[in-house]
Protein backbone atom coordinates (compact mmCIF):
# COMPACT_ATOMS: atom_id res chain seq x y z
CA MET A 1 105.24 93.38 -8.14
CA GLY A 2 104.74 90.44 -5.98
CA GLU A 3 108.46 89.84 -5.78
CA LYS A 4 109.02 93.45 -4.97
CA GLY A 5 106.56 93.15 -2.11
CA GLN A 6 108.18 90.02 -0.87
CA SER A 7 111.56 91.67 -1.04
CA ALA A 8 110.32 94.62 1.01
CA LYS A 9 108.75 92.27 3.54
CA GLY A 10 111.97 90.33 3.90
CA SER A 11 113.89 93.52 4.37
CA GLY A 12 111.53 94.54 7.20
CA ASP A 13 111.86 91.20 8.97
CA GLY A 14 115.62 91.51 8.78
CA GLY A 15 115.53 94.98 10.41
CA ARG A 16 113.33 93.79 13.24
CA GLY A 17 115.60 90.81 13.84
CA LYS A 18 118.63 93.02 14.01
CA ALA A 19 116.98 95.36 16.54
CA ALA A 20 115.92 92.42 18.66
CA SER A 21 119.43 91.10 18.55
CA GLN A 22 120.84 94.44 19.69
CA GLN A 23 118.25 94.69 22.53
CA GLN A 24 119.14 91.19 23.67
CA GLN A 25 122.79 92.10 23.71
CA GLN A 26 122.05 95.25 25.75
CA GLN A 27 120.01 93.26 28.27
CA GLN A 28 122.77 90.74 28.56
CA GLY A 29 125.20 93.62 29.34
CA VAL A 30 122.91 95.21 31.99
CA GLY A 31 122.44 92.00 33.92
CA PRO A 32 126.01 91.71 35.17
CA LEU A 33 125.97 95.41 36.05
CA LEU A 34 122.86 94.96 38.18
CA VAL A 35 124.36 91.94 39.89
CA CYS A 36 127.55 93.85 40.54
CA ALA A 37 125.64 96.83 41.95
CA ALA A 38 123.60 94.55 44.17
CA LEU A 39 126.70 92.83 45.48
CA CYS A 40 128.32 96.20 46.20
CA GLY A 41 125.23 97.35 48.06
CA VAL A 42 125.11 94.21 50.16
CA SER A 43 128.81 94.46 50.86
CA LEU A 44 128.48 98.08 51.92
CA GLY A 45 125.56 97.29 54.21
CA VAL A 46 127.30 94.32 55.78
CA GLY A 47 130.48 96.34 56.18
CA THR A 48 128.61 99.21 57.84
CA TYR A 49 126.84 96.81 60.17
CA PHE A 50 130.05 95.17 61.32
CA TRP A 51 131.84 98.52 61.60
CA ASN A 52 129.13 99.87 63.89
CA ARG A 53 129.18 96.63 65.85
CA LEU A 54 132.94 96.89 66.16
CA LYS A 55 132.60 100.42 67.52
CA ARG A 56 130.11 99.23 70.10
CA THR A 57 132.19 96.30 71.24
CA SER A 58 135.74 97.58 70.80
CA PRO A 59 136.28 101.05 72.23
CA ARG A 60 139.70 101.34 70.59
CA PHE A 61 137.85 102.06 67.32
CA SER A 62 135.44 104.54 68.85
CA ARG A 63 137.32 107.55 70.17
CA LEU A 64 136.81 111.02 68.73
CA SER A 65 137.92 113.62 71.23
CA SER A 66 138.21 117.38 71.53
CA LYS A 67 139.66 119.63 74.17
CA THR A 68 136.33 120.07 75.92
CA ASN A 69 134.14 117.14 74.96
CA TRP A 70 134.28 113.38 74.67
CA THR A 71 132.21 112.31 71.70
CA PHE A 72 133.56 108.81 71.23
CA VAL A 73 131.19 105.93 71.69
CA MET A 74 131.43 103.68 74.73
CA THR A 75 130.63 100.02 74.49
CA LYS A 76 126.92 99.34 74.49
CA THR A 77 127.08 97.48 77.81
CA HIS A 78 128.91 100.41 79.44
CA VAL A 79 126.38 102.88 78.04
CA ASP A 80 123.38 100.85 79.17
CA LEU A 81 124.57 100.54 82.78
CA LEU A 82 125.55 104.20 82.96
CA ARG A 83 122.11 105.22 81.69
CA LYS A 84 120.49 103.24 84.48
CA TYR A 85 122.49 105.13 87.10
CA LYS A 86 121.85 108.47 85.41
CA ALA A 87 118.12 107.79 85.57
CA LYS A 88 118.31 106.84 89.25
CA CYS A 89 120.55 109.75 90.29
CA ALA A 90 118.73 112.44 88.32
CA VAL A 91 116.92 114.93 90.52
CA SER A 92 114.18 116.81 88.67
CA ALA A 93 113.04 120.32 89.58
CA ASP A 94 109.79 118.87 90.93
CA GLN A 95 111.73 116.37 93.03
CA LEU A 96 114.00 119.11 94.39
CA ASN A 97 110.98 121.21 95.34
CA ARG A 98 109.43 118.26 97.18
CA ILE A 99 112.69 117.77 99.07
CA THR A 100 112.83 121.42 100.14
CA GLU A 101 109.18 121.42 101.22
CA ASP A 102 109.64 118.28 103.28
CA PHE A 103 112.91 119.62 104.73
CA ILE A 104 111.12 122.77 105.94
CA ALA A 105 108.38 120.67 107.54
CA GLN A 106 111.02 118.60 109.36
CA MET A 107 112.73 121.80 110.57
CA GLN A 108 109.50 123.09 112.06
CA SER A 109 108.81 119.75 113.70
CA GLY A 110 112.31 119.66 115.22
CA LEU A 111 111.90 123.15 116.68
CA GLY A 112 108.72 122.03 118.41
CA GLU A 113 109.87 118.85 120.12
CA ASP A 114 112.81 116.51 120.57
CA GLY A 115 113.07 113.18 118.79
CA GLY A 116 112.47 114.44 115.27
CA MET A 117 114.39 113.53 112.15
CA LEU A 118 116.14 116.90 112.20
CA LYS A 119 117.34 117.41 115.76
CA MET A 120 117.37 121.25 115.54
CA LEU A 121 119.67 121.47 118.54
CA PRO A 122 119.87 124.79 120.42
CA SER A 123 123.54 125.83 120.62
CA TYR A 124 122.93 128.38 123.39
CA VAL A 125 125.14 130.73 121.40
CA GLU A 126 123.13 133.94 121.76
CA LYS A 127 125.85 136.55 121.86
CA MET A 128 126.63 136.84 118.16
CA PRO A 129 130.05 138.06 117.06
CA THR A 130 130.00 141.76 116.29
CA GLY A 131 133.47 142.22 114.84
CA ARG A 132 134.54 144.23 117.89
CA GLU A 133 136.07 141.28 119.77
CA GLN A 134 139.78 141.78 120.51
CA GLY A 135 142.73 139.67 121.71
CA GLU A 136 144.26 136.20 121.42
CA PHE A 137 142.16 133.12 122.03
CA LEU A 138 142.63 129.38 121.86
CA ALA A 139 140.42 126.91 120.01
CA ILE A 140 140.34 123.13 120.09
CA ASP A 141 138.73 121.59 117.04
CA LEU A 142 137.75 117.91 117.19
CA GLY A 143 136.34 117.16 113.78
CA GLY A 144 136.53 114.42 111.20
CA THR A 145 139.43 112.17 112.08
CA ASN A 146 141.79 114.95 113.22
CA VAL A 147 142.36 117.23 116.20
CA ARG A 148 143.53 120.81 115.75
CA VAL A 149 144.72 123.38 118.26
CA VAL A 150 144.42 126.94 117.01
CA LYS A 151 145.60 130.30 118.37
CA VAL A 152 143.62 133.20 116.90
CA LEU A 153 144.41 136.94 117.10
CA LEU A 154 141.36 139.19 116.67
CA GLN A 155 142.05 142.85 116.03
CA GLY A 156 140.22 145.69 114.31
CA GLY A 157 137.32 143.57 113.16
CA LYS A 158 139.65 141.16 111.39
CA VAL A 159 141.37 137.87 112.05
CA LYS A 160 144.92 139.20 112.13
CA ASP A 161 146.79 135.97 112.77
CA VAL A 162 146.16 132.24 113.03
CA VAL A 163 148.60 129.62 114.27
CA ALA A 164 147.44 126.01 114.15
CA HIS A 165 148.69 122.49 114.65
CA GLU A 166 146.86 119.36 113.56
CA ASP A 167 147.32 115.67 114.36
CA ALA A 168 145.46 112.63 113.09
CA ILE A 169 143.64 110.55 115.66
CA PRO A 170 144.99 106.97 115.68
CA PRO A 171 142.35 104.60 114.24
CA ALA A 172 142.44 102.38 117.33
CA MET A 173 141.69 105.39 119.54
CA MET A 174 138.53 106.10 117.52
CA ARG A 175 137.15 102.87 119.01
CA GLY A 176 138.94 103.03 122.35
CA THR A 177 137.96 104.84 125.56
CA THR A 178 136.84 108.38 126.27
CA LYS A 179 139.75 109.10 128.60
CA GLU A 180 142.28 107.99 125.97
CA LEU A 181 140.77 110.42 123.46
CA PHE A 182 140.60 113.45 125.77
CA ASP A 183 144.06 112.81 127.21
CA PHE A 184 145.35 112.74 123.63
CA ILE A 185 143.74 116.14 123.02
CA ALA A 186 145.06 117.63 126.27
CA LYS A 187 148.63 116.53 125.49
CA MET A 188 148.35 118.19 122.10
CA VAL A 189 147.26 121.45 123.78
CA GLN A 190 150.10 121.26 126.28
CA THR A 191 152.64 120.74 123.48
CA PHE A 192 151.11 123.55 121.42
CA ILE A 193 151.30 126.03 124.31
CA ALA A 194 154.90 125.05 124.96
CA THR A 195 155.75 125.60 121.29
CA HIS A 196 153.66 128.70 120.61
CA ALA A 197 153.72 131.13 123.52
CA THR A 198 150.21 132.05 124.63
CA ALA A 199 151.17 134.39 127.47
CA LYS A 200 149.14 137.19 125.88
CA ALA A 201 146.16 134.98 125.16
CA GLY A 202 143.08 136.59 126.67
CA ALA A 203 145.23 139.21 128.39
CA GLN A 204 142.46 141.80 128.17
CA ASN A 205 140.40 139.48 130.39
CA GLY A 206 143.09 138.97 133.02
CA ALA A 207 144.30 135.65 131.55
CA GLY A 208 147.74 134.47 130.55
CA GLU A 209 150.47 136.36 132.42
CA SER A 210 148.13 137.24 135.28
CA GLY A 211 147.59 133.56 136.01
CA GLN A 212 143.98 133.56 134.86
CA PRO A 213 142.85 130.60 132.69
CA ILE A 214 143.30 130.90 128.95
CA PRO A 215 139.88 131.31 127.24
CA ILE A 216 139.20 128.28 125.08
CA GLY A 217 136.52 127.52 122.55
CA PHE A 218 135.86 123.80 122.00
CA THR A 219 134.50 122.74 118.62
CA PHE A 220 132.96 119.27 118.85
CA SER A 221 131.88 118.17 115.39
CA TYR A 222 129.45 115.39 116.25
CA PRO A 223 125.76 115.27 117.21
CA MET A 224 125.58 116.83 120.64
CA LYS A 225 122.76 117.86 122.98
CA GLN A 226 123.48 121.09 124.80
CA THR A 227 121.86 122.47 127.92
CA GLY A 228 124.08 125.54 128.08
CA ILE A 229 126.93 127.33 126.35
CA ARG A 230 129.39 125.27 128.44
CA ARG A 231 127.42 122.05 128.75
CA GLY A 232 127.02 119.37 126.10
CA GLU A 233 126.57 115.61 125.83
CA LEU A 234 127.26 113.36 122.86
CA ILE A 235 124.14 112.04 121.12
CA CYS A 236 125.92 109.61 118.82
CA TRP A 237 129.29 109.23 117.18
CA THR A 238 129.66 109.66 113.41
CA LYS A 239 132.56 109.81 110.91
CA GLY A 240 133.99 106.46 111.93
CA PHE A 241 134.06 106.94 115.73
CA ASP A 242 132.59 104.30 118.00
CA ILE A 243 133.66 105.04 121.60
CA LYS A 244 131.01 103.45 123.80
CA ASP A 245 131.63 105.14 127.16
CA THR A 246 131.29 108.77 125.97
CA LEU A 247 127.48 108.79 125.89
CA GLY A 248 125.86 110.67 128.76
CA LYS A 249 129.05 112.41 129.89
CA ASP A 250 129.58 116.17 129.98
CA LEU A 251 132.13 116.92 127.27
CA VAL A 252 133.44 120.16 128.79
CA GLU A 253 134.09 118.46 132.12
CA LEU A 254 135.95 115.66 130.34
CA LEU A 255 138.17 118.11 128.47
CA GLU A 256 138.90 120.37 131.43
CA ALA A 257 139.78 117.37 133.61
CA SER A 258 142.30 116.13 131.03
CA LEU A 259 143.72 119.65 130.57
CA GLU A 260 144.23 119.95 134.32
CA GLU A 261 146.05 116.61 134.42
CA GLN A 262 148.41 117.91 131.75
CA GLY A 263 149.02 121.15 133.63
CA VAL A 264 147.18 123.38 131.16
CA ASN A 265 145.64 126.47 132.79
CA GLY A 266 142.64 126.89 130.51
CA LYS A 267 138.89 127.36 130.76
CA VAL A 268 136.38 126.30 128.13
CA PHE A 269 134.11 129.30 127.58
CA ALA A 270 131.98 127.62 124.92
CA ILE A 271 131.40 124.22 123.35
CA LEU A 272 129.94 124.25 119.89
CA ASN A 273 129.49 122.27 116.71
CA ASP A 274 131.87 122.93 113.81
CA THR A 275 128.98 124.26 111.74
CA VAL A 276 128.11 126.79 114.43
CA GLY A 277 131.77 127.82 114.46
CA THR A 278 131.82 128.24 110.68
CA LEU A 279 128.79 130.53 110.88
CA ALA A 280 130.34 132.54 113.74
CA ALA A 281 133.70 132.97 112.00
CA SER A 282 132.00 134.44 108.94
CA LYS A 283 129.61 136.54 111.04
CA PHE A 284 132.62 138.18 112.72
CA CYS A 285 133.71 139.51 109.32
CA ASP A 286 130.35 139.84 107.52
CA GLN A 287 127.18 140.62 109.45
CA ASP A 288 125.00 139.39 106.56
CA THR A 289 126.01 135.80 107.32
CA GLN A 290 122.89 133.79 108.22
CA LEU A 291 123.91 130.19 107.60
CA GLY A 292 126.92 127.97 108.12
CA VAL A 293 127.42 124.71 106.21
CA ILE A 294 130.00 121.96 106.48
CA LEU A 295 130.81 120.06 103.29
CA GLY A 296 133.78 117.86 104.12
CA THR A 297 134.24 114.45 105.71
CA GLY A 298 130.75 114.98 107.14
CA SER A 299 127.98 117.45 106.35
CA ASN A 300 125.77 119.68 108.46
CA ALA A 301 124.21 123.14 108.67
CA ALA A 302 123.48 125.76 111.34
CA TYR A 303 121.53 129.01 111.13
CA ILE A 304 120.35 131.93 113.27
CA GLU A 305 116.81 131.48 114.65
CA GLY A 306 114.52 133.65 116.73
CA ALA A 307 114.57 132.17 120.23
CA SER A 308 110.82 132.62 120.59
CA ARG A 309 110.29 130.21 117.71
CA ILE A 310 112.21 127.39 119.46
CA SER A 311 109.10 126.15 121.20
CA LYS A 312 110.74 123.04 122.63
CA LEU A 313 112.88 125.20 124.91
CA LYS A 314 111.45 125.77 128.35
CA GLU A 315 109.50 129.00 128.68
CA LYS A 316 112.08 130.62 130.94
CA GLU A 317 114.82 129.75 128.45
CA ALA A 318 112.91 131.13 125.46
CA ALA A 319 111.77 134.39 127.07
CA GLY A 320 115.10 136.23 127.09
CA ALA A 321 115.99 139.47 128.78
CA GLY A 322 115.47 141.43 125.59
CA GLY A 323 111.88 140.29 125.18
CA GLU A 324 110.35 137.83 122.74
CA GLY A 325 111.10 138.35 119.09
CA LYS A 326 114.46 140.03 119.76
CA ARG A 327 116.60 137.25 121.14
CA LYS A 328 118.46 135.11 118.63
CA MET A 329 120.16 131.76 118.95
CA ILE A 330 122.21 129.63 116.56
CA ILE A 331 120.48 126.33 115.83
CA ASN A 332 122.53 123.26 114.91
CA ILE A 333 120.25 121.44 112.48
CA GLU A 334 122.19 118.16 112.24
CA TRP A 335 120.90 117.94 108.69
CA GLY A 336 122.94 114.81 107.99
CA ASN A 337 120.11 112.76 109.49
CA TYR A 338 117.55 114.00 106.98
CA ASN A 339 115.81 111.28 104.99
CA SER A 340 112.97 111.29 102.50
CA SER A 341 111.34 109.10 99.88
CA HIS A 342 112.07 111.93 97.44
CA LEU A 343 115.85 111.44 97.68
CA PRO A 344 117.52 109.67 94.71
CA TYR A 345 118.45 106.61 96.74
CA LEU A 346 120.49 103.78 95.15
CA ASP A 347 121.01 100.17 96.15
CA GLU A 348 124.60 101.18 96.86
CA ASP A 349 123.36 103.81 99.34
CA ARG A 350 121.52 101.09 101.23
CA ALA A 351 124.59 98.85 101.22
CA ILE A 352 126.84 101.64 102.51
CA ASP A 353 124.37 102.44 105.26
CA ALA A 354 123.94 98.79 106.26
CA GLN A 355 127.70 98.31 106.66
CA SER A 356 128.41 101.63 108.38
CA LEU A 357 129.00 102.02 112.12
CA ASN A 358 125.85 104.15 112.39
CA ALA A 359 123.46 102.12 110.25
CA GLY A 360 119.94 103.47 109.90
CA VAL A 361 120.82 107.14 110.46
CA GLN A 362 122.64 110.02 108.71
CA HIS A 363 121.25 109.07 105.27
CA TYR A 364 121.54 112.60 103.85
CA GLU A 365 125.14 112.90 105.02
CA LYS A 366 126.01 109.55 103.44
CA MET A 367 124.73 110.82 100.08
CA ILE A 368 126.57 114.15 100.28
CA SER A 369 129.75 114.06 102.34
CA GLY A 370 133.28 113.38 101.23
CA MET A 371 133.62 110.33 103.43
CA TYR A 372 131.23 108.29 101.29
CA LEU A 373 131.55 109.46 97.65
CA GLY A 374 134.55 107.26 96.91
CA GLU A 375 132.92 104.23 98.46
CA MET A 376 129.83 104.84 96.34
CA VAL A 377 131.91 104.87 93.15
CA ARG A 378 133.80 101.75 94.24
CA ARG A 379 130.60 99.78 94.77
CA ILE A 380 129.21 100.76 91.38
CA CYS A 381 132.51 99.88 89.69
CA LEU A 382 132.44 96.51 91.42
CA ARG A 383 128.99 95.85 90.01
CA ALA A 384 130.21 96.98 86.58
CA SER A 385 133.17 94.62 86.85
CA LYS A 386 130.81 91.71 87.42
CA GLU A 387 128.09 92.68 84.95
CA ILE A 388 129.85 94.42 82.05
CA ASN A 389 133.45 93.30 82.51
CA LEU A 390 134.78 96.72 83.57
CA PHE A 391 138.60 96.75 83.42
CA GLY A 392 138.33 93.38 81.71
CA GLY A 393 137.13 91.93 85.00
CA THR A 394 140.74 91.78 86.19
CA GLN A 395 140.33 94.26 89.07
CA ARG A 396 137.43 92.59 90.85
CA LYS A 397 139.56 91.59 93.84
CA PHE A 398 140.78 95.16 94.31
CA LEU A 399 137.27 96.57 93.96
CA GLU A 400 135.96 94.14 96.55
CA THR A 401 138.10 95.87 99.19
CA ALA A 402 135.93 98.40 101.05
CA TRP A 403 137.07 102.05 100.97
CA SER A 404 139.77 101.28 98.38
CA PHE A 405 138.50 104.00 96.01
CA PRO A 406 139.17 107.32 97.82
CA THR A 407 137.02 110.40 97.33
CA SER A 408 140.17 112.32 96.39
CA LEU A 409 140.40 110.10 93.30
CA VAL A 410 136.73 110.71 92.48
CA SER A 411 137.44 114.45 92.69
CA LYS A 412 140.46 114.26 90.37
CA ILE A 413 138.65 112.12 87.82
CA ASP A 414 135.60 114.38 87.89
CA GLY A 415 137.93 117.31 87.26
CA CYS A 416 139.33 115.54 84.21
CA ALA A 417 135.79 114.92 83.00
CA GLY A 418 135.32 118.68 82.84
CA THR A 419 138.39 119.15 80.62
CA GLY A 420 138.02 116.07 78.45
CA ASP A 421 141.44 114.76 79.45
CA LEU A 422 140.70 111.06 79.05
CA ASP A 423 144.38 110.11 79.02
CA GLN A 424 144.76 111.53 82.52
CA VAL A 425 141.72 109.55 83.69
CA GLU A 426 143.35 106.38 82.39
CA LYS A 427 146.58 107.22 84.23
CA LEU A 428 144.74 107.99 87.49
CA LEU A 429 142.85 104.71 87.34
CA ALA A 430 145.96 102.75 86.43
CA GLY A 431 147.83 104.33 89.33
CA THR A 432 145.13 103.42 91.83
CA LEU A 433 144.54 99.95 90.45
CA LYS A 434 148.31 99.44 90.04
CA ILE A 435 148.03 98.20 86.47
CA ASP A 436 149.46 99.28 83.13
CA PRO A 437 147.55 102.29 81.68
CA SER A 438 147.06 100.34 78.44
CA SER A 439 144.94 97.87 80.41
CA VAL A 440 142.34 100.59 81.05
CA SER A 441 140.27 100.87 77.89
CA GLU A 442 138.94 104.21 76.74
CA SER A 443 135.43 102.95 77.33
CA ASP A 444 136.33 101.98 80.90
CA ALA A 445 137.87 105.40 81.54
CA ARG A 446 134.86 107.21 80.11
CA PHE A 447 132.47 105.11 82.15
CA VAL A 448 134.27 105.83 85.42
CA ALA A 449 134.69 109.53 84.59
CA GLU A 450 131.00 109.99 83.90
CA LEU A 451 130.14 107.97 86.98
CA CYS A 452 132.31 110.21 89.18
CA ALA A 453 130.68 113.31 87.68
CA LEU A 454 127.25 111.80 88.29
CA ILE A 455 127.92 111.13 91.99
CA GLY A 456 129.57 114.53 92.43
CA LYS A 457 126.63 116.34 90.85
CA ARG A 458 124.16 114.45 93.01
CA SER A 459 126.05 115.50 96.13
CA ALA A 460 126.12 119.18 95.15
CA ALA A 461 122.44 119.22 94.14
CA LEU A 462 121.29 117.69 97.42
CA ALA A 463 123.47 120.04 99.49
CA ALA A 464 122.07 123.01 97.57
CA ALA A 465 118.51 121.80 98.14
CA GLY A 466 119.15 121.89 101.89
CA VAL A 467 120.47 125.45 101.68
CA VAL A 468 117.44 126.57 99.70
CA ALA A 469 115.09 124.92 102.20
CA ILE A 470 116.63 126.89 105.09
CA TYR A 471 116.58 130.11 103.06
CA LYS A 472 112.91 129.63 102.14
CA TYR A 473 112.02 128.89 105.77
CA LEU A 474 113.67 132.10 106.99
CA VAL A 475 111.99 134.15 104.27
CA GLN A 476 108.58 132.58 104.86
CA SER A 477 108.85 133.15 108.62
CA GLY A 478 109.75 136.81 108.10
CA GLN A 479 113.22 136.51 109.58
CA VAL A 480 115.05 137.32 106.35
CA ASP A 481 114.21 139.97 103.78
CA PRO A 482 114.05 138.25 100.37
CA LYS A 483 115.79 141.27 98.83
CA GLN A 484 118.81 141.24 101.14
CA ARG A 485 122.10 139.38 100.76
CA PHE A 486 122.01 135.92 102.24
CA VAL A 487 125.56 134.86 102.99
CA VAL A 488 126.25 131.15 103.44
CA ALA A 489 129.59 130.38 105.07
CA VAL A 490 130.93 127.03 103.94
CA ASP A 491 133.87 125.07 105.30
CA GLY A 492 135.20 121.64 104.36
CA GLY A 493 137.44 119.97 101.82
CA LEU A 494 134.57 118.84 99.58
CA PHE A 495 133.49 122.43 98.94
CA GLU A 496 137.04 123.74 98.77
CA HIS A 497 138.73 121.11 96.61
CA TYR A 498 136.08 119.22 94.63
CA PRO A 499 136.01 120.70 91.08
CA ASN A 500 132.99 122.88 90.25
CA TYR A 501 131.19 122.04 93.49
CA PRO A 502 130.10 125.66 94.25
CA GLU A 503 129.06 126.16 90.62
CA ARG A 504 126.93 123.02 90.70
CA MET A 505 125.26 124.22 93.88
CA ALA A 506 124.54 127.57 92.22
CA GLU A 507 122.86 125.76 89.32
CA THR A 508 120.46 124.11 91.76
CA PHE A 509 119.78 127.47 93.45
CA ALA A 510 118.73 128.83 90.05
CA THR A 511 116.53 125.79 89.39
CA LEU A 512 114.69 126.21 92.69
CA LEU A 513 114.58 130.00 93.03
CA GLY A 514 115.01 131.41 89.54
CA GLU A 515 118.09 133.19 88.22
CA GLU A 516 117.55 136.55 89.95
CA SER A 517 116.60 135.30 93.41
CA ALA A 518 119.39 132.75 93.31
CA LYS A 519 121.95 135.56 92.98
CA ARG A 520 121.10 136.75 96.51
CA ILE A 521 122.50 133.55 97.99
CA GLU A 522 126.25 134.02 98.29
CA LEU A 523 128.42 131.01 99.02
CA VAL A 524 131.51 132.16 100.89
CA HIS A 525 134.37 129.83 101.66
CA SER A 526 135.14 130.18 105.37
CA PRO A 527 138.57 128.55 105.68
CA ASP A 528 139.26 127.15 109.11
CA GLY A 529 135.83 128.31 110.16
CA SER A 530 135.49 125.65 112.81
CA GLY A 531 138.73 126.70 114.52
CA ILE A 532 138.44 130.48 114.12
CA GLY A 533 134.71 130.42 114.87
CA SER A 534 135.30 128.58 118.12
CA ALA A 535 137.83 131.23 119.19
CA VAL A 536 135.46 134.03 118.11
CA ILE A 537 132.61 132.66 120.23
CA ALA A 538 134.95 132.14 123.18
CA ALA A 539 136.01 135.79 122.78
CA ALA A 540 132.40 136.99 122.72
CA GLN A 541 131.59 134.97 125.85
CA ALA A 542 134.76 136.07 127.66
CA MET A 543 133.82 139.70 127.11
CA VAL A 544 130.44 139.28 128.81
């Protein structure tokens, strides 16, 4: 019995030993598996880390594109710098409202006395176009860096025909003498008349064949102080002009003297700003036009104001034959000189201003107008070249050349940004920089494209804020019914050619006024408004 017990005990020990042996074998098999799994996990983590790092530092591994969106990742350095500019350029709804409120306050101040930020210059255009003006009239348009001579036929409430000729002003002449400039204009007029017969011009007023002077409207697109419809003096040159001896001289007298020397039998019936002309040209066709805006090489606005509210005019000038409250006059705001701490001002804005011919003034214009958008992008790209190696740092010399990045290129690139055509952006940049397209990385192209869109959006938002400020002022002062159409006539290449510019302005209208009220503001492109408008006002004055 004892042996039997011992035998059973031995059998039990043997079973436990066998189980232990099997467990040990299993544990020995699991160990390598755990090690292998751990190594795989570490490898996967390390691989993911370096893959993400590669995407951040090598844009060639980061592009995922669609027809409408760019979703590829830029390099981290590109992204970080772009975010800084986005934060600085962003204009919140609250900021836009503060700008409009301050703009209105500056308008009211400018109507009360001279010397304000907004000059609020009386144009002395009181006879508004009615659409009943008839005949052929001549216009001379000095604006931007070009001179145009325009013959306009008005008939049946429509502009039936327009013949125009345009010449660029030689750069040296923009810094020469006053006589050189006005003689250049007069010779253009003489050549135009010789080429395009104007015998019928103003015939209903005894001009042309009868030997009477041809009625001329003179659009002068620079800050000007007027003391009458035919009297105006330059306040300061803008848009690259710097002719010292023009200040203090009567501009109409200068033009008529040069015309006489060239044998041109013409009389200037009105001198006006291009913005006033844009408003008048649209008013001739649409009586709901209340505001004219220039968005081109420069930027400005003009609107129709009750003469009795222009308190800085002398009492006898403000009274009017029709009695107070009835007489109207177009006011040239010269809004380009607006400035405010609420504006999204960049270091590059300050640098552009400091190196401009008119440093210290026209801040608003320098943030909006087509003359400066390209230079703004160039300066930011130059900084990016130095700080984040944009274009591999190889184009720094090119980017150091002032005005080497034209606004037309900004416009084209911004247009590509809207379609997601990154390849075209690369080609545009390569063409301008004169390098192989393969040298422009996708990250570089995306950075510049988003930068161009950012500067373009800022321009449109600020221009729209100015429009809303004028609209609110007219509504608040009871001069415009908030339920009526409010037509804004706009002229200039920026508005006409820059992709989505009107749509971006409309977005800001909605932000400031709400969707429904914003619909009452109608932006109307007024092509050649400065030339046609000048002729229209000359026609209205000639019929007096």
